[in-house]
Amino acid sequence: MKKISLSNIFKPVTSIFKSLSLVIFIVIVAGGLMYSIITLNDILQQPPSNSAKTSNVNSVLDQTTVNRLNKYKTSDENSANQSLPSGRINPFSE
């Protein structure tokens, strides 16, 4: 009768795993990367919750700040009283 031992049973299996260990490692790493990319993509495509849209901050400007803001000119107003320092040209003039 032939002796049967665990090492004789698992010897072909371990030799297959040894020869394919690099391939198995690459498949496991690629699967983990694919899982993380899909999970991150699902997280980024979810719409934001309603709690993120509401704001509880009550912003109030005092009158002095409003007056200072009103002193600024809009972009369509031409400021004729601007003067450049001597010896310099305006690079934005046409």
PDB file of N, CA and C in Angstrom:
ATOM      1  N   MET A   1       0.811  -1.169   0.000  1.00  0.00           N
ATOM      2  CA  MET A   1       0.000   0.000   0.000  1.00  0.00           C
ATOM      3  C   MET A   1       0.870   1.253   0.000  1.00  0.00           C
ATOM      4  N   LYS A   2       0.376   2.244  -0.685  1.00  0.00           N
ATOM      5  CA  LYS A   2       1.109   3.491  -0.801  1.00  0.00           C
ATOM      6  C   LYS A   2       0.787   4.406   0.376  1.00  0.00           C
ATOM      7  N   LYS A   3       1.812   5.081   0.867  1.00  0.00           N
ATOM      8  CA  LYS A   3       1.606   6.002   1.983  1.00  0.00           C
ATOM      9  C   LYS A   3       0.970   7.294   1.458  1.00  0.00           C
ATOM     10  N   ILE A   4      -0.052   7.737   2.123  1.00  0.00           N
ATOM     11  CA  ILE A   4      -0.715   8.985   1.764  1.00  0.00           C
ATOM     12  C   ILE A   4      -0.444   9.984   2.877  1.00  0.00           C
ATOM     13  N   SER A   5       0.114  11.122   2.485  1.00  0.00           N
ATOM     14  CA  SER A   5       0.353  12.168   3.471  1.00  0.00           C
ATOM     15  C   SER A   5      -0.146  13.500   2.898  1.00  0.00           C
ATOM     16  N   LEU A   6      -0.300  14.449   3.778  1.00  0.00           N
ATOM     17  CA  LEU A   6      -0.807  15.757   3.339  1.00  0.00           C
ATOM     18  C   LEU A   6       0.172  16.454   2.391  1.00  0.00           C
ATOM     19  N   SER A   7       1.441  16.268   2.611  1.00  0.00           N
ATOM     20  CA  SER A   7       2.416  16.920   1.738  1.00  0.00           C
ATOM     21  C   SER A   7       2.352  16.357   0.322  1.00  0.00           C
ATOM     22  N   ASN A   8       2.072  15.071   0.189  1.00  0.00           N
ATOM     23  CA  ASN A   8       1.948  14.478  -1.142  1.00  0.00           C
ATOM     24  C   ASN A   8       0.671  14.937  -1.845  1.00  0.00           C
ATOM     25  N   ILE A   9      -0.370  15.188  -1.072  1.00  0.00           N
ATOM     26  CA  ILE A   9      -1.635  15.635  -1.664  1.00  0.00           C
ATOM     27  C   ILE A   9      -1.517  17.070  -2.155  1.00  0.00           C
ATOM     28  N   PHE A  10      -0.902  17.936  -1.357  1.00  0.00           N
ATOM     29  CA  PHE A  10      -0.841  19.355  -1.690  1.00  0.00           C
ATOM     30  C   PHE A  10       0.373  19.727  -2.536  1.00  0.00           C
ATOM     31  N   LYS A  11       1.230  18.793  -2.847  1.00  0.00           N
ATOM     32  CA  LYS A  11       2.434  19.084  -3.626  1.00  0.00           C
ATOM     33  C   LYS A  11       2.112  19.629  -5.024  1.00  0.00           C
ATOM     34  N   PRO A  12       1.163  19.064  -5.789  1.00  0.00           N
ATOM     35  CA  PRO A  12       0.843  19.642  -7.105  1.00  0.00           C
ATOM     36  C   PRO A  12       0.203  21.026  -6.994  1.00  0.00           C
ATOM     37  N   VAL A  13      -0.603  21.198  -5.967  1.00  0.00           N
ATOM     38  CA  VAL A  13      -1.280  22.489  -5.784  1.00  0.00           C
ATOM     39  C   VAL A  13      -0.259  23.573  -5.446  1.00  0.00           C
ATOM     40  N   THR A  14       0.677  23.267  -4.570  1.00  0.00           N
ATOM     41  CA  THR A  14       1.681  24.270  -4.206  1.00  0.00           C
ATOM     42  C   THR A  14       2.614  24.574  -5.371  1.00  0.00           C
ATOM     43  N   SER A  15       2.899  23.590  -6.195  1.00  0.00           N
ATOM     44  CA  SER A  15       3.760  23.869  -7.350  1.00  0.00           C
ATOM     45  C   SER A  15       3.058  24.775  -8.356  1.00  0.00           C
ATOM     46  N   ILE A  16       1.732  24.615  -8.508  1.00  0.00           N
ATOM     47  CA  ILE A  16       0.974  25.498  -9.401  1.00  0.00           C
ATOM     48  C   ILE A  16       0.972  26.915  -8.837  1.00  0.00           C
ATOM     49  N   PHE A  17       0.745  27.061  -7.519  1.00  0.00           N
ATOM     50  CA  PHE A  17       0.738  28.384  -6.908  1.00  0.00           C
ATOM     51  C   PHE A  17       2.113  29.050  -6.983  1.00  0.00           C
ATOM     52  N   LYS A  18       3.158  28.290  -6.855  1.00  0.00           N
ATOM     53  CA  LYS A  18       4.500  28.865  -6.947  1.00  0.00           C
ATOM     54  C   LYS A  18       4.787  29.373  -8.344  1.00  0.00           C
ATOM     55  N   SER A  19       4.350  28.630  -9.347  1.00  0.00           N
ATOM     56  CA  SER A  19       4.630  29.059 -10.716  1.00  0.00           C
ATOM     57  C   SER A  19       3.742  30.220 -11.146  1.00  0.00           C
ATOM     58  N   LEU A  20       2.563  30.343 -10.564  1.00  0.00           N
ATOM     59  CA  LEU A  20       1.630  31.402 -10.952  1.00  0.00           C
ATOM     60  C   LEU A  20       1.517  32.503  -9.893  1.00  0.00           C
ATOM     61  N   SER A  21       2.450  32.574  -8.966  1.00  0.00           N
ATOM     62  CA  SER A  21       2.324  33.536  -7.874  1.00  0.00           C
ATOM     63  C   SER A  21       2.346  34.981  -8.371  1.00  0.00           C
ATOM     64  N   LEU A  22       3.157  35.298  -9.353  1.00  0.00           N
ATOM     65  CA  LEU A  22       3.211  36.662  -9.881  1.00  0.00           C
ATOM     66  C   LEU A  22       1.901  37.029 -10.565  1.00  0.00           C
ATOM     67  N   VAL A  23       1.351  36.109 -11.329  1.00  0.00           N
ATOM     68  CA  VAL A  23       0.082  36.362 -12.022  1.00  0.00           C
ATOM     69  C   VAL A  23      -1.039  36.556 -11.010  1.00  0.00           C
ATOM     70  N   ILE A  24      -1.064  35.725  -9.986  1.00  0.00           N
ATOM     71  CA  ILE A  24      -2.095  35.849  -8.951  1.00  0.00           C
ATOM     72  C   ILE A  24      -1.960  37.182  -8.231  1.00  0.00           C
ATOM     73  N   PHE A  25      -0.745  37.585  -7.927  1.00  0.00           N
ATOM     74  CA  PHE A  25      -0.519  38.875  -7.263  1.00  0.00           C
ATOM     75  C   PHE A  25      -1.007  40.025  -8.131  1.00  0.00           C
ATOM     76  N   ILE A  26      -0.688  39.996  -9.425  1.00  0.00           N
ATOM     77  CA  ILE A  26      -1.108  41.071 -10.330  1.00  0.00           C
ATOM     78  C   ILE A  26      -2.626  41.120 -10.443  1.00  0.00           C
ATOM     79  N   VAL A  27      -3.271  39.975 -10.512  1.00  0.00           N
ATOM     80  CA  VAL A  27      -4.730  39.935 -10.601  1.00  0.00           C
ATOM     81  C   VAL A  27      -5.363  40.494  -9.326  1.00  0.00           C
ATOM     82  N   ILE A  28      -4.817  40.171  -8.168  1.00  0.00           N
ATOM     83  CA  ILE A  28      -5.367  40.678  -6.902  1.00  0.00           C
ATOM     84  C   ILE A  28      -5.169  42.192  -6.801  1.00  0.00           C
ATOM     85  N   VAL A  29      -4.005  42.690  -7.175  1.00  0.00           N
ATOM     86  CA  VAL A  29      -3.750  44.138  -7.119  1.00  0.00           C
ATOM     87  C   VAL A  29      -4.644  44.874  -8.114  1.00  0.00           C
ATOM     88  N   ALA A  30      -4.783  44.360  -9.328  1.00  0.00           N
ATOM     89  CA  ALA A  30      -5.637  45.002 -10.325  1.00  0.00           C
ATOM     90  C   ALA A  30      -7.099  44.993  -9.874  1.00  0.00           C
ATOM     91  N   GLY A  31      -7.531  43.915  -9.268  1.00  0.00           N
ATOM     92  CA  GLY A  31      -8.902  43.860  -8.750  1.00  0.00           C
ATOM     93  C   GLY A  31      -9.130  44.865  -7.636  1.00  0.00           C
ATOM     94  N   GLY A  32      -8.154  45.011  -6.752  1.00  0.00           N
ATOM     95  CA  GLY A  32      -8.279  46.006  -5.689  1.00  0.00           C
ATOM     96  C   GLY A  32      -8.322  47.426  -6.226  1.00  0.00           C
ATOM     97  N   LEU A  33      -7.502  47.704  -7.233  1.00  0.00           N
ATOM     98  CA  LEU A  33      -7.530  49.034  -7.840  1.00  0.00           C
ATOM     99  C   LEU A  33      -8.854  49.305  -8.548  1.00  0.00           C
ATOM    100  N   MET A  34      -9.365  48.312  -9.246  1.00  0.00           N
ATOM    101  CA  MET A  34     -10.652  48.490  -9.924  1.00  0.00           C
ATOM    102  C   MET A  34     -11.764  48.723  -8.914  1.00  0.00           C
ATOM    103  N   TYR A  35     -11.745  47.986  -7.810  1.00  0.00           N
ATOM    104  CA  TYR A  35     -12.758  48.174  -6.775  1.00  0.00           C
ATOM    105  C   TYR A  35     -12.685  49.574  -6.179  1.00  0.00           C
ATOM    106  N   SER A  36     -11.478  50.057  -5.906  1.00  0.00           N
ATOM    107  CA  SER A  36     -11.341  51.392  -5.318  1.00  0.00           C
ATOM    108  C   SER A  36     -11.762  52.474  -6.297  1.00  0.00           C
ATOM    109  N   ILE A  37     -11.456  52.319  -7.575  1.00  0.00           N
ATOM    110  CA  ILE A  37     -11.851  53.311  -8.572  1.00  0.00           C
ATOM    111  C   ILE A  37     -13.366  53.343  -8.728  1.00  0.00           C
ATOM    112  N   ILE A  38     -14.000  52.178  -8.781  1.00  0.00           N
ATOM    113  CA  ILE A  38     -15.457  52.128  -8.918  1.00  0.00           C
ATOM    114  C   ILE A  38     -16.136  52.710  -7.685  1.00  0.00           C
ATOM    115  N   THR A  39     -15.625  52.401  -6.501  1.00  0.00           N
ATOM    116  CA  THR A  39     -16.201  52.934  -5.269  1.00  0.00           C
ATOM    117  C   THR A  39     -16.055  54.455  -5.206  1.00  0.00           C
ATOM    118  N   LEU A  40     -14.890  54.960  -5.565  1.00  0.00           N
ATOM    119  CA  LEU A  40     -14.668  56.404  -5.564  1.00  0.00           C
ATOM    120  C   LEU A  40     -15.543  57.092  -6.596  1.00  0.00           C
ATOM    121  N   ASN A  41     -15.721  56.473  -7.750  1.00  0.00           N
ATOM    122  CA  ASN A  41     -16.577  57.036  -8.784  1.00  0.00           C
ATOM    123  C   ASN A  41     -18.027  57.103  -8.311  1.00  0.00           C
ATOM    124  N   ASP A  42     -18.507  56.059  -7.641  1.00  0.00           N
ATOM    125  CA  ASP A  42     -19.867  56.077  -7.109  1.00  0.00           C
ATOM    126  C   ASP A  42     -20.043  57.162  -6.053  1.00  0.00           C
ATOM    127  N   ILE A  43     -19.038  57.353  -5.211  1.00  0.00           N
ATOM    128  CA  ILE A  43     -19.119  58.384  -4.175  1.00  0.00           C
ATOM    129  C   ILE A  43     -19.169  59.772  -4.798  1.00  0.00           C
ATOM    130  N   LEU A  44     -18.365  59.998  -5.839  1.00  0.00           N
ATOM    131  CA  LEU A  44     -18.323  61.321  -6.465  1.00  0.00           C
ATOM    132  C   LEU A  44     -19.568  61.629  -7.284  1.00  0.00           C
ATOM    133  N   GLN A  45     -20.298  60.617  -7.743  1.00  0.00           N
ATOM    134  CA  GLN A  45     -21.473  60.861  -8.561  1.00  0.00           C
ATOM    135  C   GLN A  45     -22.752  60.990  -7.749  1.00  0.00           C
ATOM    136  N   GLN A  46     -22.696  60.769  -6.448  1.00  0.00           N
ATOM    137  CA  GLN A  46     -23.880  60.930  -5.617  1.00  0.00           C
ATOM    138  C   GLN A  46     -24.189  62.408  -5.459  1.00  0.00           C
ATOM    139  N   PRO A  47     -25.464  62.793  -5.546  1.00  0.00           N
ATOM    140  CA  PRO A  47     -25.801  64.202  -5.341  1.00  0.00           C
ATOM    141  C   PRO A  47     -25.575  64.582  -3.882  1.00  0.00           C
ATOM    142  N   PRO A  48     -25.281  65.851  -3.634  1.00  0.00           N
ATOM    143  CA  PRO A  48     -25.053  66.273  -2.248  1.00  0.00           C
ATOM    144  C   PRO A  48     -26.341  66.185  -1.436  1.00  0.00           C
ATOM    145  N   SER A  49     -26.195  65.994  -0.165  1.00  0.00           N
ATOM    146  CA  SER A  49     -27.363  65.900   0.711  1.00  0.00           C
ATOM    147  C   SER A  49     -27.964  67.285   0.926  1.00  0.00           C
ATOM    148  N   ASN A  50     -29.184  67.316   1.411  1.00  0.00           N
ATOM    149  CA  ASN A  50     -29.870  68.589   1.637  1.00  0.00           C
ATOM    150  C   ASN A  50     -29.220  69.405   2.740  1.00  0.00           C
ATOM    151  N   SER A  51     -28.555  68.750   3.672  1.00  0.00           N
ATOM    152  CA  SER A  51     -27.941  69.479   4.772  1.00  0.00           C
ATOM    153  C   SER A  51     -26.764  70.322   4.289  1.00  0.00           C
ATOM    154  N   ALA A  52     -26.148  69.927   3.172  1.00  0.00           N
ATOM    155  CA  ALA A  52     -25.034  70.703   2.647  1.00  0.00           C
ATOM    156  C   ALA A  52     -25.510  71.957   1.932  1.00  0.00           C
ATOM    157  N   LYS A  53     -26.765  71.976   1.491  1.00  0.00           N
ATOM    158  CA  LYS A  53     -27.280  73.113   0.732  1.00  0.00           C
ATOM    159  C   LYS A  53     -27.753  74.253   1.627  1.00  0.00           C
ATOM    160  N   THR A  54     -28.185  73.947   2.814  1.00  0.00           N
ATOM    161  CA  THR A  54     -28.704  74.992   3.690  1.00  0.00           C
ATOM    162  C   THR A  54     -27.567  75.640   4.468  1.00  0.00           C
ATOM    163  N   SER A  55     -27.708  76.913   4.651  1.00  0.00           N
ATOM    164  CA  SER A  55     -26.701  77.654   5.388  1.00  0.00           C
ATOM    165  C   SER A  55     -27.370  78.362   6.558  1.00  0.00           C
ATOM    166  N   ASN A  56     -26.765  78.290   7.708  1.00  0.00           N
ATOM    167  CA  ASN A  56     -27.319  78.921   8.893  1.00  0.00           C
ATOM    168  C   ASN A  56     -26.636  80.239   9.214  1.00  0.00           C
ATOM    169  N   VAL A  57     -25.816  80.748   8.311  1.00  0.00           N
ATOM    170  CA  VAL A  57     -25.082  81.967   8.573  1.00  0.00           C
ATOM    171  C   VAL A  57     -25.936  83.157   8.173  1.00  0.00           C
ATOM    172  N   ASN A  58     -26.155  84.051   9.101  1.00  0.00           N
ATOM    173  CA  ASN A  58     -26.874  85.284   8.813  1.00  0.00           C
ATOM    174  C   ASN A  58     -25.847  86.386   8.594  1.00  0.00           C
ATOM    175  N   SER A  59     -25.717  86.806   7.343  1.00  0.00           N
ATOM    176  CA  SER A  59     -24.724  87.829   7.045  1.00  0.00           C
ATOM    177  C   SER A  59     -25.413  89.179   6.920  1.00  0.00           C
ATOM    178  N   VAL A  60     -24.916  90.131   7.675  1.00  0.00           N
ATOM    179  CA  VAL A  60     -25.471  91.477   7.669  1.00  0.00           C
ATOM    180  C   VAL A  60     -24.305  92.446   7.534  1.00  0.00           C
ATOM    181  N   LEU A  61     -24.419  93.364   6.569  1.00  0.00           N
ATOM    182  CA  LEU A  61     -23.388  94.386   6.390  1.00  0.00           C
ATOM    183  C   LEU A  61     -23.843  95.666   7.083  1.00  0.00           C
ATOM    184  N   ASP A  62     -22.955  96.289   7.805  1.00  0.00           N
ATOM    185  CA  ASP A  62     -23.303  97.556   8.419  1.00  0.00           C
ATOM    186  C   ASP A  62     -23.252  98.667   7.370  1.00  0.00           C
ATOM    187  N   GLN A  63     -23.784  99.820   7.711  1.00  0.00           N
ATOM    188  CA  GLN A  63     -23.936 100.898   6.744  1.00  0.00           C
ATOM    189  C   GLN A  63     -22.591 101.450   6.281  1.00  0.00           C
ATOM    190  N   THR A  64     -21.594 101.461   7.133  1.00  0.00           N
ATOM    191  CA  THR A  64     -20.284 101.976   6.710  1.00  0.00           C
ATOM    192  C   THR A  64     -19.669 101.079   5.637  1.00  0.00           C
ATOM    193  N   THR A  65     -19.832  99.774   5.755  1.00  0.00           N
ATOM    194  CA  THR A  65     -19.317  98.866   4.739  1.00  0.00           C
ATOM    195  C   THR A  65     -20.072  99.030   3.430  1.00  0.00           C
ATOM    196  N   VAL A  66     -21.379  99.219   3.495  1.00  0.00           N
ATOM    197  CA  VAL A  66     -22.175  99.434   2.280  1.00  0.00           C
ATOM    198  C   VAL A  66     -21.732 100.719   1.595  1.00  0.00           C
ATOM    199  N   ASN A  67     -21.485 101.771   2.354  1.00  0.00           N
ATOM    200  CA  ASN A  67     -21.032 103.039   1.763  1.00  0.00           C
ATOM    201  C   ASN A  67     -19.667 102.880   1.101  1.00  0.00           C
ATOM    202  N   ARG A  68     -18.764 102.143   1.727  1.00  0.00           N
ATOM    203  CA  ARG A  68     -17.439 101.922   1.131  1.00  0.00           C
ATOM    204  C   ARG A  68     -17.554 101.124  -0.158  1.00  0.00           C
ATOM    205  N   LEU A  69     -18.446 100.143  -0.198  1.00  0.00           N
ATOM    206  CA  LEU A  69     -18.625  99.356  -1.416  1.00  0.00           C
ATOM    207  C   LEU A  69     -19.254 100.179  -2.537  1.00  0.00           C
ATOM    208  N   ASN A  70     -20.124 101.075  -2.180  1.00  0.00           N
ATOM    209  CA  ASN A  70     -20.774 101.910  -3.199  1.00  0.00           C
ATOM    210  C   ASN A  70     -19.813 102.922  -3.814  1.00  0.00           C
ATOM    211  N   LYS A  71     -18.707 103.241  -3.138  1.00  0.00           N
ATOM    212  CA  LYS A  71     -17.724 104.170  -3.691  1.00  0.00           C
ATOM    213  C   LYS A  71     -16.950 103.582  -4.859  1.00  0.00           C
ATOM    214  N   TYR A  72     -16.864 102.259  -4.942  1.00  0.00           N
ATOM    215  CA  TYR A  72     -16.132 101.634  -6.042  1.00  0.00           C
ATOM    216  C   TYR A  72     -16.901 101.793  -7.345  1.00  0.00           C
ATOM    217  N   LYS A  73     -16.158 101.844  -8.425  1.00  0.00           N
ATOM    218  CA  LYS A  73     -16.778 102.006  -9.739  1.00  0.00           C
ATOM    219  C   LYS A  73     -16.932 100.643 -10.398  1.00  0.00           C
ATOM    220  N   THR A  74     -17.928 100.551 -11.248  1.00  0.00           N
ATOM    221  CA  THR A  74     -18.137  99.315 -11.986  1.00  0.00           C
ATOM    222  C   THR A  74     -17.188  99.254 -13.175  1.00  0.00           C
ATOM    223  N   SER A  75     -17.111  98.117 -13.815  1.00  0.00           N
ATOM    224  CA  SER A  75     -16.162  97.933 -14.914  1.00  0.00           C
ATOM    225  C   SER A  75     -16.557  98.705 -16.164  1.00  0.00           C
ATOM    226  N   ASP A  76     -17.818  99.071 -16.306  1.00  0.00           N
ATOM    227  CA  ASP A  76     -18.222  99.810 -17.507  1.00  0.00           C
ATOM    228  C   ASP A  76     -18.047 101.322 -17.353  1.00  0.00           C
ATOM    229  N   GLU A  77     -17.745 101.801 -16.159  1.00  0.00           N
ATOM    230  CA  GLU A  77     -17.488 103.227 -15.961  1.00  0.00           C
ATOM    231  C   GLU A  77     -16.028 103.529 -16.282  1.00  0.00           C
ATOM    232  N   ASN A  78     -15.811 104.626 -16.996  1.00  0.00           N
ATOM    233  CA  ASN A  78     -14.453 105.027 -17.357  1.00  0.00           C
ATOM    234  C   ASN A  78     -13.962 106.046 -16.335  1.00  0.00           C
ATOM    235  N   SER A  79     -12.831 105.787 -15.797  1.00  0.00           N
ATOM    236  CA  SER A  79     -12.259 106.696 -14.814  1.00  0.00           C
ATOM    237  C   SER A  79     -11.273 107.612 -15.528  1.00  0.00           C
ATOM    238  N   ALA A  80     -11.656 108.869 -15.716  1.00  0.00           N
ATOM    239  CA  ALA A  80     -10.821 109.805 -16.468  1.00  0.00           C
ATOM    240  C   ALA A  80      -9.756 110.457 -15.602  1.00  0.00           C
ATOM    241  N   ASN A  81      -9.899 110.419 -14.302  1.00  0.00           N
ATOM    242  CA  ASN A  81      -8.959 111.130 -13.442  1.00  0.00           C
ATOM    243  C   ASN A  81      -7.796 110.262 -12.981  1.00  0.00           C
ATOM    244  N   GLN A  82      -7.565 109.146 -13.613  1.00  0.00           N
ATOM    245  CA  GLN A  82      -6.425 108.321 -13.238  1.00  0.00           C
ATOM    246  C   GLN A  82      -5.174 108.868 -13.897  1.00  0.00           C
ATOM    247  N   SER A  83      -4.092 108.922 -13.157  1.00  0.00           N
ATOM    248  CA  SER A  83      -2.833 109.378 -13.732  1.00  0.00           C
ATOM    249  C   SER A  83      -1.754 108.354 -13.433  1.00  0.00           C
ATOM    250  N   LEU A  84      -0.918 108.120 -14.427  1.00  0.00           N
ATOM    251  CA  LEU A  84       0.179 107.173 -14.262  1.00  0.00           C
ATOM    252  C   LEU A  84       1.421 107.900 -13.779  1.00  0.00           C
ATOM    253  N   PRO A  85       2.296 107.225 -13.073  1.00  0.00           N
ATOM    254  CA  PRO A  85       3.558 107.855 -12.680  1.00  0.00           C
ATOM    255  C   PRO A  85       4.373 108.223 -13.920  1.00  0.00           C
ATOM    256  N   SER A  86       5.213 109.235 -13.795  1.00  0.00           N
ATOM    257  CA  SER A  86       5.979 109.689 -14.954  1.00  0.00           C
ATOM    258  C   SER A  86       6.969 108.614 -15.386  1.00  0.00           C
ATOM    259  N   GLY A  87       7.166 108.505 -16.687  1.00  0.00           N
ATOM    260  CA  GLY A  87       8.099 107.542 -17.228  1.00  0.00           C
ATOM    261  C   GLY A  87       7.519 106.157 -17.429  1.00  0.00           C
ATOM    262  N   ARG A  88       6.257 105.995 -17.172  1.00  0.00           N
ATOM    263  CA  ARG A  88       5.640 104.681 -17.346  1.00  0.00           C
ATOM    264  C   ARG A  88       4.480 104.794 -18.310  1.00  0.00           C
ATOM    265  N   ILE A  89       4.218 103.722 -19.009  1.00  0.00           N
ATOM    266  CA  ILE A  89       3.091 103.706 -19.931  1.00  0.00           C
ATOM    267  C   ILE A  89       2.072 102.691 -19.415  1.00  0.00           C
ATOM    268  N   ASN A  90       0.852 102.843 -19.848  1.00  0.00           N
ATOM    269  CA  ASN A  90      -0.219 101.948 -19.450  1.00  0.00           C
ATOM    270  C   ASN A  90      -0.206 100.733 -20.398  1.00  0.00           C
ATOM    271  N   PRO A  91       0.079  99.540 -19.919  1.00  0.00           N
ATOM    272  CA  PRO A  91       0.122  98.381 -20.815  1.00  0.00           C
ATOM    273  C   PRO A  91      -1.260  97.942 -21.269  1.00  0.00           C
ATOM    274  N   PHE A  92      -2.319  98.462 -20.654  1.00  0.00           N
ATOM    275  CA  PHE A  92      -3.660  98.037 -21.009  1.00  0.00           C
ATOM    276  C   PHE A  92      -4.357  99.016 -21.956  1.00  0.00           C
ATOM    277  N   SER A  93      -3.706 100.110 -22.287  1.00  0.00           N
ATOM    278  CA  SER A  93      -4.338 101.072 -23.201  1.00  0.00           C
ATOM    279  C   SER A  93      -4.147 100.580 -24.637  1.00  0.00           C
ATOM    280  N   GLU A  94      -5.094 100.946 -25.468  1.00  0.00           N
ATOM    281  CA  GLU A  94      -5.027 100.503 -26.864  1.00  0.00           C
ATOM    282  C   GLU A  94      -4.595 101.632 -27.749  1.00  0.00           C
TER     283      GLU A  94
END
